[in-house]
Amino acid sequence: MTPVGEYVRYVVLARLARGPAPVEEVEALVRAAVERTGRKFDWRIWPQLLAKEVVVRDGVAELTERGRWLAAIGLRPMAAYIRRFLGVAVVP
């Protein structure tokens, strides 16, 4: 996965780790994150990037069991990777 794709995964997992969110909110977060990187990336593919970690039901996105596990143990390493390759400051 590209560094921008990893950043998108990080943003979505970090937000949904706090609880379910409307799809519109997640899309706004993803779009803003991609724009912050200054790189060309189709932000609309976030559901495919997180197909195993996120499920969307009735317009609400929430983490699957795998997504909760990844958010619990993987946000810090993901943040370090993003800082290293994109130079974007993230708080795990």
PDB file of N, CA and C in Angstrom:
ATOM      1  N   MET A   1       0.839  -1.171   0.000  1.00  0.00           N
ATOM      2  CA  MET A   1       0.000   0.000   0.000  1.00  0.00           C
ATOM      3  C   MET A   1       0.892   1.244   0.000  1.00  0.00           C
ATOM      4  N   THR A   2       0.430   2.280  -0.654  1.00  0.00           N
ATOM      5  CA  THR A   2       1.197   3.523  -0.722  1.00  0.00           C
ATOM      6  C   THR A   2       1.143   4.254   0.619  1.00  0.00           C
ATOM      7  N   PRO A   3       2.076   5.168   0.850  1.00  0.00           N
ATOM      8  CA  PRO A   3       2.019   5.948   2.091  1.00  0.00           C
ATOM      9  C   PRO A   3       0.716   6.739   2.237  1.00  0.00           C
ATOM     10  N   VAL A   4       0.188   7.263   1.137  1.00  0.00           N
ATOM     11  CA  VAL A   4      -1.076   8.007   1.221  1.00  0.00           C
ATOM     12  C   VAL A   4      -2.217   7.055   1.568  1.00  0.00           C
ATOM     13  N   GLY A   5      -2.220   5.869   0.993  1.00  0.00           N
ATOM     14  CA  GLY A   5      -3.229   4.870   1.342  1.00  0.00           C
ATOM     15  C   GLY A   5      -3.145   4.476   2.805  1.00  0.00           C
ATOM     16  N   GLU A   6      -1.939   4.365   3.304  1.00  0.00           N
ATOM     17  CA  GLU A   6      -1.739   4.037   4.721  1.00  0.00           C
ATOM     18  C   GLU A   6      -2.239   5.180   5.606  1.00  0.00           C
ATOM     19  N   TYR A   7      -2.039   6.413   5.155  1.00  0.00           N
ATOM     20  CA  TYR A   7      -2.536   7.578   5.895  1.00  0.00           C
ATOM     21  C   TYR A   7      -4.064   7.571   5.935  1.00  0.00           C
ATOM     22  N   VAL A   8      -4.686   7.238   4.817  1.00  0.00           N
ATOM     23  CA  VAL A   8      -6.150   7.137   4.769  1.00  0.00           C
ATOM     24  C   VAL A   8      -6.621   6.076   5.756  1.00  0.00           C
ATOM     25  N   ARG A   9      -5.973   4.926   5.758  1.00  0.00           N
ATOM     26  CA  ARG A   9      -6.333   3.865   6.713  1.00  0.00           C
ATOM     27  C   ARG A   9      -6.192   4.361   8.144  1.00  0.00           C
ATOM     28  N   TYR A  10      -5.106   5.069   8.423  1.00  0.00           N
ATOM     29  CA  TYR A  10      -4.866   5.587   9.769  1.00  0.00           C
ATOM     30  C   TYR A  10      -5.986   6.542  10.196  1.00  0.00           C
ATOM     31  N   VAL A  11      -6.325   7.483   9.317  1.00  0.00           N
ATOM     32  CA  VAL A  11      -7.348   8.483   9.645  1.00  0.00           C
ATOM     33  C   VAL A  11      -8.686   7.810   9.939  1.00  0.00           C
ATOM     34  N   VAL A  12      -9.075   6.866   9.108  1.00  0.00           N
ATOM     35  CA  VAL A  12     -10.360   6.193   9.298  1.00  0.00           C
ATOM     36  C   VAL A  12     -10.346   5.337  10.560  1.00  0.00           C
ATOM     37  N   LEU A  13      -9.308   4.549  10.759  1.00  0.00           N
ATOM     38  CA  LEU A  13      -9.239   3.700  11.950  1.00  0.00           C
ATOM     39  C   LEU A  13      -9.217   4.529  13.227  1.00  0.00           C
ATOM     40  N   ALA A  14      -8.451   5.619  13.223  1.00  0.00           N
ATOM     41  CA  ALA A  14      -8.374   6.464  14.418  1.00  0.00           C
ATOM     42  C   ALA A  14      -9.733   7.072  14.741  1.00  0.00           C
ATOM     43  N   ARG A  15     -10.464   7.504  13.721  1.00  0.00           N
ATOM     44  CA  ARG A  15     -11.784   8.098  13.979  1.00  0.00           C
ATOM     45  C   ARG A  15     -12.781   7.049  14.449  1.00  0.00           C
ATOM     46  N   LEU A  16     -12.819   5.912  13.782  1.00  0.00           N
ATOM     47  CA  LEU A  16     -13.810   4.892  14.130  1.00  0.00           C
ATOM     48  C   LEU A  16     -13.465   4.160  15.417  1.00  0.00           C
ATOM     49  N   ALA A  17     -12.234   4.261  15.877  1.00  0.00           N
ATOM     50  CA  ALA A  17     -11.869   3.670  17.168  1.00  0.00           C
ATOM     51  C   ALA A  17     -12.633   4.355  18.298  1.00  0.00           C
ATOM     52  N   ARG A  18     -13.079   5.586  18.065  1.00  0.00           N
ATOM     53  CA  ARG A  18     -13.869   6.316  19.066  1.00  0.00           C
ATOM     54  C   ARG A  18     -15.346   5.975  18.994  1.00  0.00           C
ATOM     55  N   GLY A  19     -15.767   5.272  17.938  1.00  0.00           N
ATOM     56  CA  GLY A  19     -17.165   4.882  17.793  1.00  0.00           C
ATOM     57  C   GLY A  19     -17.621   5.043  16.357  1.00  0.00           C
ATOM     58  N   PRO A  20     -18.806   4.516  16.039  1.00  0.00           N
ATOM     59  CA  PRO A  20     -19.335   4.622  14.676  1.00  0.00           C
ATOM     60  C   PRO A  20     -19.494   6.082  14.248  1.00  0.00           C
ATOM     61  N   ALA A  21     -19.442   6.301  12.939  1.00  0.00           N
ATOM     62  CA  ALA A  21     -19.572   7.653  12.393  1.00  0.00           C
ATOM     63  C   ALA A  21     -20.344   7.597  11.078  1.00  0.00           C
ATOM     64  N   PRO A  22     -21.071   8.666  10.766  1.00  0.00           N
ATOM     65  CA  PRO A  22     -21.740   8.724   9.463  1.00  0.00           C
ATOM     66  C   PRO A  22     -20.711   8.684   8.334  1.00  0.00           C
ATOM     67  N   VAL A  23     -21.072   8.066   7.243  1.00  0.00           N
ATOM     68  CA  VAL A  23     -20.171   7.939   6.098  1.00  0.00           C
ATOM     69  C   VAL A  23     -19.722   9.316   5.606  1.00  0.00           C
ATOM     70  N   GLU A  24     -20.612  10.293   5.647  1.00  0.00           N
ATOM     71  CA  GLU A  24     -20.261  11.640   5.197  1.00  0.00           C
ATOM     72  C   GLU A  24     -19.117  12.216   6.031  1.00  0.00           C
ATOM     73  N   GLU A  25     -19.130  11.980   7.329  1.00  0.00           N
ATOM     74  CA  GLU A  25     -18.056  12.466   8.200  1.00  0.00           C
ATOM     75  C   GLU A  25     -16.730  11.790   7.851  1.00  0.00           C
ATOM     76  N   VAL A  26     -16.774  10.490   7.634  1.00  0.00           N
ATOM     77  CA  VAL A  26     -15.561   9.748   7.290  1.00  0.00           C
ATOM     78  C   VAL A  26     -15.017  10.232   5.952  1.00  0.00           C
ATOM     79  N   GLU A  27     -15.898  10.424   4.984  1.00  0.00           N
ATOM     80  CA  GLU A  27     -15.453  10.901   3.674  1.00  0.00           C
ATOM     81  C   GLU A  27     -14.819  12.280   3.766  1.00  0.00           C
ATOM     82  N   ALA A  28     -15.376  13.164   4.588  1.00  0.00           N
ATOM     83  CA  ALA A  28     -14.801  14.499   4.763  1.00  0.00           C
ATOM     84  C   ALA A  28     -13.411  14.407   5.395  1.00  0.00           C
ATOM     85  N   LEU A  29     -13.249  13.528   6.380  1.00  0.00           N
ATOM     86  CA  LEU A  29     -11.941  13.339   7.011  1.00  0.00           C
ATOM     87  C   LEU A  29     -10.914  12.812   6.018  1.00  0.00           C
ATOM     88  N   VAL A  30     -11.321  11.833   5.222  1.00  0.00           N
ATOM     89  CA  VAL A  30     -10.412  11.227   4.249  1.00  0.00           C
ATOM     90  C   VAL A  30     -10.015  12.237   3.183  1.00  0.00           C
ATOM     91  N   ARG A  31     -10.987  12.976   2.690  1.00  0.00           N
ATOM     92  CA  ARG A  31     -10.693  13.971   1.656  1.00  0.00           C
ATOM     93  C   ARG A  31      -9.721  15.026   2.181  1.00  0.00           C
ATOM     94  N   ALA A  32      -9.950  15.519   3.393  1.00  0.00           N
ATOM     95  CA  ALA A  32      -9.058  16.520   3.990  1.00  0.00           C
ATOM     96  C   ALA A  32      -7.659  15.943   4.201  1.00  0.00           C
ATOM     97  N   ALA A  33      -7.588  14.690   4.614  1.00  0.00           N
ATOM     98  CA  ALA A  33      -6.287  14.049   4.845  1.00  0.00           C
ATOM     99  C   ALA A  33      -5.497  13.939   3.546  1.00  0.00           C
ATOM    100  N   VAL A  34      -6.155  13.525   2.479  1.00  0.00           N
ATOM    101  CA  VAL A  34      -5.474  13.397   1.186  1.00  0.00           C
ATOM    102  C   VAL A  34      -5.015  14.769   0.694  1.00  0.00           C
ATOM    103  N   GLU A  35      -5.852  15.784   0.856  1.00  0.00           N
ATOM    104  CA  GLU A  35      -5.467  17.134   0.435  1.00  0.00           C
ATOM    105  C   GLU A  35      -4.268  17.644   1.231  1.00  0.00           C
ATOM    106  N   ARG A  36      -4.177  17.295   2.532  1.00  0.00           N
ATOM    107  CA  ARG A  36      -3.044  17.715   3.360  1.00  0.00           C
ATOM    108  C   ARG A  36      -1.722  17.157   2.847  1.00  0.00           C
ATOM    109  N   THR A  37      -1.761  15.986   2.245  1.00  0.00           N
ATOM    110  CA  THR A  37      -0.517  15.388   1.757  1.00  0.00           C
ATOM    111  C   THR A  37       0.003  16.092   0.514  1.00  0.00           C
ATOM    112  N   GLY A  38      -0.887  16.730  -0.234  1.00  0.00           N
ATOM    113  CA  GLY A  38      -0.473  17.401  -1.460  1.00  0.00           C
ATOM    114  C   GLY A  38      -0.173  16.446  -2.597  1.00  0.00           C
ATOM    115  N   ARG A  39      -0.596  15.213  -2.456  1.00  0.00           N
ATOM    116  CA  ARG A  39      -0.343  14.207  -3.493  1.00  0.00           C
ATOM    117  C   ARG A  39      -1.655  13.796  -4.142  1.00  0.00           C
ATOM    118  N   LYS A  40      -1.546  13.320  -5.367  1.00  0.00           N
ATOM    119  CA  LYS A  40      -2.730  12.885  -6.094  1.00  0.00           C
ATOM    120  C   LYS A  40      -3.124  11.490  -5.625  1.00  0.00           C
ATOM    121  N   PHE A  41      -4.350  11.364  -5.157  1.00  0.00           N
ATOM    122  CA  PHE A  41      -4.849  10.085  -4.659  1.00  0.00           C
ATOM    123  C   PHE A  41      -6.365  10.148  -4.684  1.00  0.00           C
ATOM    124  N   ASP A  42      -6.995   9.115  -5.185  1.00  0.00           N
ATOM    125  CA  ASP A  42      -8.458   9.078  -5.242  1.00  0.00           C
ATOM    126  C   ASP A  42      -9.002   8.710  -3.865  1.00  0.00           C
ATOM    127  N   TRP A  43      -9.418   9.703  -3.118  1.00  0.00           N
ATOM    128  CA  TRP A  43      -9.883   9.498  -1.744  1.00  0.00           C
ATOM    129  C   TRP A  43     -11.159   8.669  -1.677  1.00  0.00           C
ATOM    130  N   ARG A  44     -11.892   8.566  -2.775  1.00  0.00           N
ATOM    131  CA  ARG A  44     -13.171   7.845  -2.762  1.00  0.00           C
ATOM    132  C   ARG A  44     -13.024   6.329  -2.651  1.00  0.00           C
ATOM    133  N   ILE A  45     -11.805   5.811  -2.741  1.00  0.00           N
ATOM    134  CA  ILE A  45     -11.626   4.362  -2.654  1.00  0.00           C
ATOM    135  C   ILE A  45     -11.445   3.876  -1.218  1.00  0.00           C
ATOM    136  N   TRP A  46     -11.653   4.754  -0.232  1.00  0.00           N
ATOM    137  CA  TRP A  46     -11.421   4.344   1.155  1.00  0.00           C
ATOM    138  C   TRP A  46     -12.206   3.094   1.549  1.00  0.00           C
ATOM    139  N   PRO A  47     -13.445   2.873   1.063  1.00  0.00           N
ATOM    140  CA  PRO A  47     -14.124   1.628   1.478  1.00  0.00           C
ATOM    141  C   PRO A  47     -13.403   0.367   0.990  1.00  0.00           C
ATOM    142  N   GLN A  48     -12.779   0.430  -0.191  1.00  0.00           N
ATOM    143  CA  GLN A  48     -12.039  -0.725  -0.685  1.00  0.00           C
ATOM    144  C   GLN A  48     -10.745  -0.930   0.092  1.00  0.00           C
ATOM    145  N   LEU A  49     -10.092   0.165   0.488  1.00  0.00           N
ATOM    146  CA  LEU A  49      -8.853   0.056   1.270  1.00  0.00           C
ATOM    147  C   LEU A  49      -9.096  -0.593   2.627  1.00  0.00           C
ATOM    148  N   LEU A  50     -10.270  -0.361   3.176  1.00  0.00           N
ATOM    149  CA  LEU A  50     -10.580  -0.831   4.525  1.00  0.00           C
ATOM    150  C   LEU A  50     -11.698  -1.874   4.519  1.00  0.00           C
ATOM    151  N   ALA A  51     -11.788  -2.654   3.459  1.00  0.00           N
ATOM    152  CA  ALA A  51     -12.885  -3.613   3.321  1.00  0.00           C
ATOM    153  C   ALA A  51     -12.951  -4.617   4.466  1.00  0.00           C
ATOM    154  N   LYS A  52     -11.808  -5.000   5.016  1.00  0.00           N
ATOM    155  CA  LYS A  52     -11.802  -5.979   6.104  1.00  0.00           C
ATOM    156  C   LYS A  52     -11.889  -5.326   7.477  1.00  0.00           C
ATOM    157  N   GLU A  53     -11.597  -4.032   7.552  1.00  0.00           N
ATOM    158  CA  GLU A  53     -11.557  -3.344   8.839  1.00  0.00           C
ATOM    159  C   GLU A  53     -12.810  -2.535   9.142  1.00  0.00           C
ATOM    160  N   VAL A  54     -13.557  -2.145   8.102  1.00  0.00           N
ATOM    161  CA  VAL A  54     -14.718  -1.271   8.288  1.00  0.00           C
ATOM    162  C   VAL A  54     -15.916  -1.855   7.553  1.00  0.00           C
ATOM    163  N   VAL A  55     -17.065  -1.745   8.193  1.00  0.00           N
ATOM    164  CA  VAL A  55     -18.319  -2.140   7.561  1.00  0.00           C
ATOM    165  C   VAL A  55     -19.241  -0.923   7.582  1.00  0.00           C
ATOM    166  N   VAL A  56     -19.988  -0.738   6.481  1.00  0.00           N
ATOM    167  CA  VAL A  56     -20.933   0.374   6.384  1.00  0.00           C
ATOM    168  C   VAL A  56     -22.335  -0.213   6.353  1.00  0.00           C
ATOM    169  N   ARG A  57     -23.136   0.219   7.329  1.00  0.00           N
ATOM    170  CA  ARG A  57     -24.537  -0.224   7.411  1.00  0.00           C
ATOM    171  C   ARG A  57     -25.427   0.999   7.560  1.00  0.00           C
ATOM    172  N   ASP A  58     -26.383   1.134   6.685  1.00  0.00           N
ATOM    173  CA  ASP A  58     -27.353   2.233   6.758  1.00  0.00           C
ATOM    174  C   ASP A  58     -26.680   3.595   6.871  1.00  0.00           C
ATOM    175  N   GLY A  59     -25.619   3.805   6.121  1.00  0.00           N
ATOM    176  CA  GLY A  59     -24.946   5.092   6.103  1.00  0.00           C
ATOM    177  C   GLY A  59     -24.045   5.377   7.288  1.00  0.00           C
ATOM    178  N   VAL A  60     -23.797   4.359   8.107  1.00  0.00           N
ATOM    179  CA  VAL A  60     -22.931   4.523   9.279  1.00  0.00           C
ATOM    180  C   VAL A  60     -21.763   3.547   9.157  1.00  0.00           C
ATOM    181  N   ALA A  61     -20.548   4.080   9.306  1.00  0.00           N
ATOM    182  CA  ALA A  61     -19.340   3.252   9.243  1.00  0.00           C
ATOM    183  C   ALA A  61     -18.932   2.851  10.651  1.00  0.00           C
ATOM    184  N   GLU A  62     -18.551   1.590  10.804  1.00  0.00           N
ATOM    185  CA  GLU A  62     -18.059   1.112  12.095  1.00  0.00           C
ATOM    186  C   GLU A  62     -16.988   0.058  11.865  1.00  0.00           C
ATOM    187  N   LEU A  63     -16.162  -0.144  12.880  1.00  0.00           N
ATOM    188  CA  LEU A  63     -15.067  -1.100  12.778  1.00  0.00           C
ATOM    189  C   LEU A  63     -15.562  -2.527  12.937  1.00  0.00           C
ATOM    190  N   THR A  64     -14.943  -3.424  12.190  1.00  0.00           N
ATOM    191  CA  THR A  64     -15.172  -4.846  12.382  1.00  0.00           C
ATOM    192  C   THR A  64     -14.274  -5.304  13.531  1.00  0.00           C
ATOM    193  N   GLU A  65     -14.341  -6.577  13.864  1.00  0.00           N
ATOM    194  CA  GLU A  65     -13.461  -7.095  14.912  1.00  0.00           C
ATOM    195  C   GLU A  65     -11.994  -6.905  14.521  1.00  0.00           C
ATOM    196  N   ARG A  66     -11.675  -7.180  13.269  1.00  0.00           N
ATOM    197  CA  ARG A  66     -10.302  -6.978  12.784  1.00  0.00           C
ATOM    198  C   ARG A  66      -9.907  -5.503  12.864  1.00  0.00           C
ATOM    199  N   GLY A  67     -10.824  -4.615  12.536  1.00  0.00           N
ATOM    200  CA  GLY A  67     -10.552  -3.184  12.613  1.00  0.00           C
ATOM    201  C   GLY A  67     -10.289  -2.718  14.032  1.00  0.00           C
ATOM    202  N   ARG A  68     -11.059  -3.232  14.986  1.00  0.00           N
ATOM    203  CA  ARG A  68     -10.833  -2.878  16.395  1.00  0.00           C
ATOM    204  C   ARG A  68      -9.471  -3.373  16.854  1.00  0.00           C
ATOM    205  N   TRP A  69      -9.112  -4.584  16.441  1.00  0.00           N
ATOM    206  CA  TRP A  69      -7.809  -5.145  16.797  1.00  0.00           C
ATOM    207  C   TRP A  69      -6.682  -4.295  16.210  1.00  0.00           C
ATOM    208  N   LEU A  70      -6.805  -3.944  14.936  1.00  0.00           N
ATOM    209  CA  LEU A  70      -5.777  -3.141  14.277  1.00  0.00           C
ATOM    210  C   LEU A  70      -5.672  -1.751  14.907  1.00  0.00           C
ATOM    211  N   ALA A  71      -6.796  -1.157  15.246  1.00  0.00           N
ATOM    212  CA  ALA A  71      -6.770   0.159  15.893  1.00  0.00           C
ATOM    213  C   ALA A  71      -6.118   0.076  17.263  1.00  0.00           C
ATOM    214  N   ALA A  72      -6.337  -1.020  17.962  1.00  0.00           N
ATOM    215  CA  ALA A  72      -5.784  -1.169  19.310  1.00  0.00           C
ATOM    216  C   ALA A  72      -4.269  -1.343  19.296  1.00  0.00           C
ATOM    217  N   ILE A  73      -3.747  -2.083  18.321  1.00  0.00           N
ATOM    218  CA  ILE A  73      -2.304  -2.357  18.343  1.00  0.00           C
ATOM    219  C   ILE A  73      -1.519  -1.691  17.224  1.00  0.00           C
ATOM    220  N   GLY A  74      -2.195  -1.183  16.193  1.00  0.00           N
ATOM    221  CA  GLY A  74      -1.472  -0.732  15.015  1.00  0.00           C
ATOM    222  C   GLY A  74      -1.380   0.755  14.765  1.00  0.00           C
ATOM    223  N   LEU A  75      -2.060   1.584  15.550  1.00  0.00           N
ATOM    224  CA  LEU A  75      -2.051   3.011  15.243  1.00  0.00           C
ATOM    225  C   LEU A  75      -0.681   3.654  15.442  1.00  0.00           C
ATOM    226  N   ARG A  76       0.042   3.270  16.485  1.00  0.00           N
ATOM    227  CA  ARG A  76       1.369   3.868  16.716  1.00  0.00           C
ATOM    228  C   ARG A  76       2.356   3.530  15.592  1.00  0.00           C
ATOM    229  N   PRO A  77       2.482   2.257  15.200  1.00  0.00           N
ATOM    230  CA  PRO A  77       3.386   1.957  14.075  1.00  0.00           C
ATOM    231  C   PRO A  77       2.954   2.635  12.772  1.00  0.00           C
ATOM    232  N   MET A  78       1.639   2.728  12.550  1.00  0.00           N
ATOM    233  CA  MET A  78       1.148   3.402  11.353  1.00  0.00           C
ATOM    234  C   MET A  78       1.529   4.877  11.383  1.00  0.00           C
ATOM    235  N   ALA A  79       1.404   5.516  12.543  1.00  0.00           N
ATOM    236  CA  ALA A  79       1.746   6.934  12.679  1.00  0.00           C
ATOM    237  C   ALA A  79       3.229   7.159  12.401  1.00  0.00           C
ATOM    238  N   ALA A  80       4.079   6.277  12.903  1.00  0.00           N
ATOM    239  CA  ALA A  80       5.522   6.397  12.666  1.00  0.00           C
ATOM    240  C   ALA A  80       5.833   6.265  11.176  1.00  0.00           C
ATOM    241  N   TYR A  81       5.187   5.324  10.506  1.00  0.00           N
ATOM    242  CA  TYR A  81       5.377   5.119   9.068  1.00  0.00           C
ATOM    243  C   TYR A  81       4.949   6.360   8.292  1.00  0.00           C
ATOM    244  N   ILE A  82       3.813   6.922   8.648  1.00  0.00           N
ATOM    245  CA  ILE A  82       3.289   8.100   7.948  1.00  0.00           C
ATOM    246  C   ILE A  82       4.216   9.296   8.139  1.00  0.00           C
ATOM    247  N   ARG A  83       4.674   9.514   9.368  1.00  0.00           N
ATOM    248  CA  ARG A  83       5.612  10.615   9.623  1.00  0.00           C
ATOM    249  C   ARG A  83       6.887  10.442   8.802  1.00  0.00           C
ATOM    250  N   ARG A  84       7.373   9.221   8.732  1.00  0.00           N
ATOM    251  CA  ARG A  84       8.631   8.952   8.025  1.00  0.00           C
ATOM    252  C   ARG A  84       8.518   9.167   6.518  1.00  0.00           C
ATOM    253  N   PHE A  85       7.449   8.667   5.915  1.00  0.00           N
ATOM    254  CA  PHE A  85       7.353   8.693   4.462  1.00  0.00           C
ATOM    255  C   PHE A  85       6.587   9.875   3.890  1.00  0.00           C
ATOM    256  N   LEU A  86       5.685  10.466   4.665  1.00  0.00           N
ATOM    257  CA  LEU A  86       4.921  11.604   4.158  1.00  0.00           C
ATOM    258  C   LEU A  86       5.297  12.917   4.829  1.00  0.00           C
ATOM    259  N   GLY A  87       5.898  12.820   6.002  1.00  0.00           N
ATOM    260  CA  GLY A  87       6.220  14.036   6.739  1.00  0.00           C
ATOM    261  C   GLY A  87       5.003  14.705   7.339  1.00  0.00           C
ATOM    262  N   VAL A  88       3.912  13.972   7.442  1.00  0.00           N
ATOM    263  CA  VAL A  88       2.676  14.501   8.010  1.00  0.00           C
ATOM    264  C   VAL A  88       2.643  14.150   9.486  1.00  0.00           C
ATOM    265  N   ALA A  89       2.425  15.143  10.324  1.00  0.00           N
ATOM    266  CA  ALA A  89       2.366  14.900  11.766  1.00  0.00           C
ATOM    267  C   ALA A  89       1.015  14.298  12.128  1.00  0.00           C
ATOM    268  N   VAL A  90       1.054  13.157  12.776  1.00  0.00           N
ATOM    269  CA  VAL A  90      -0.164  12.506  13.259  1.00  0.00           C
ATOM    270  C   VAL A  90       0.038  12.153  14.721  1.00  0.00           C
ATOM    271  N   VAL A  91      -1.061  12.114  15.454  1.00  0.00           N
ATOM    272  CA  VAL A  91      -1.000  11.768  16.872  1.00  0.00           C
ATOM    273  C   VAL A  91      -1.680  10.425  17.047  1.00  0.00           C
ATOM    274  N   PRO A  92      -0.922   9.398  17.448  1.00  0.00           N
ATOM    275  CA  PRO A  92      -1.541   8.078  17.610  1.00  0.00           C
ATOM    276  C   PRO A  92      -2.459   8.016  18.808  1.00  0.00           C
TER     277      PRO A  92
END
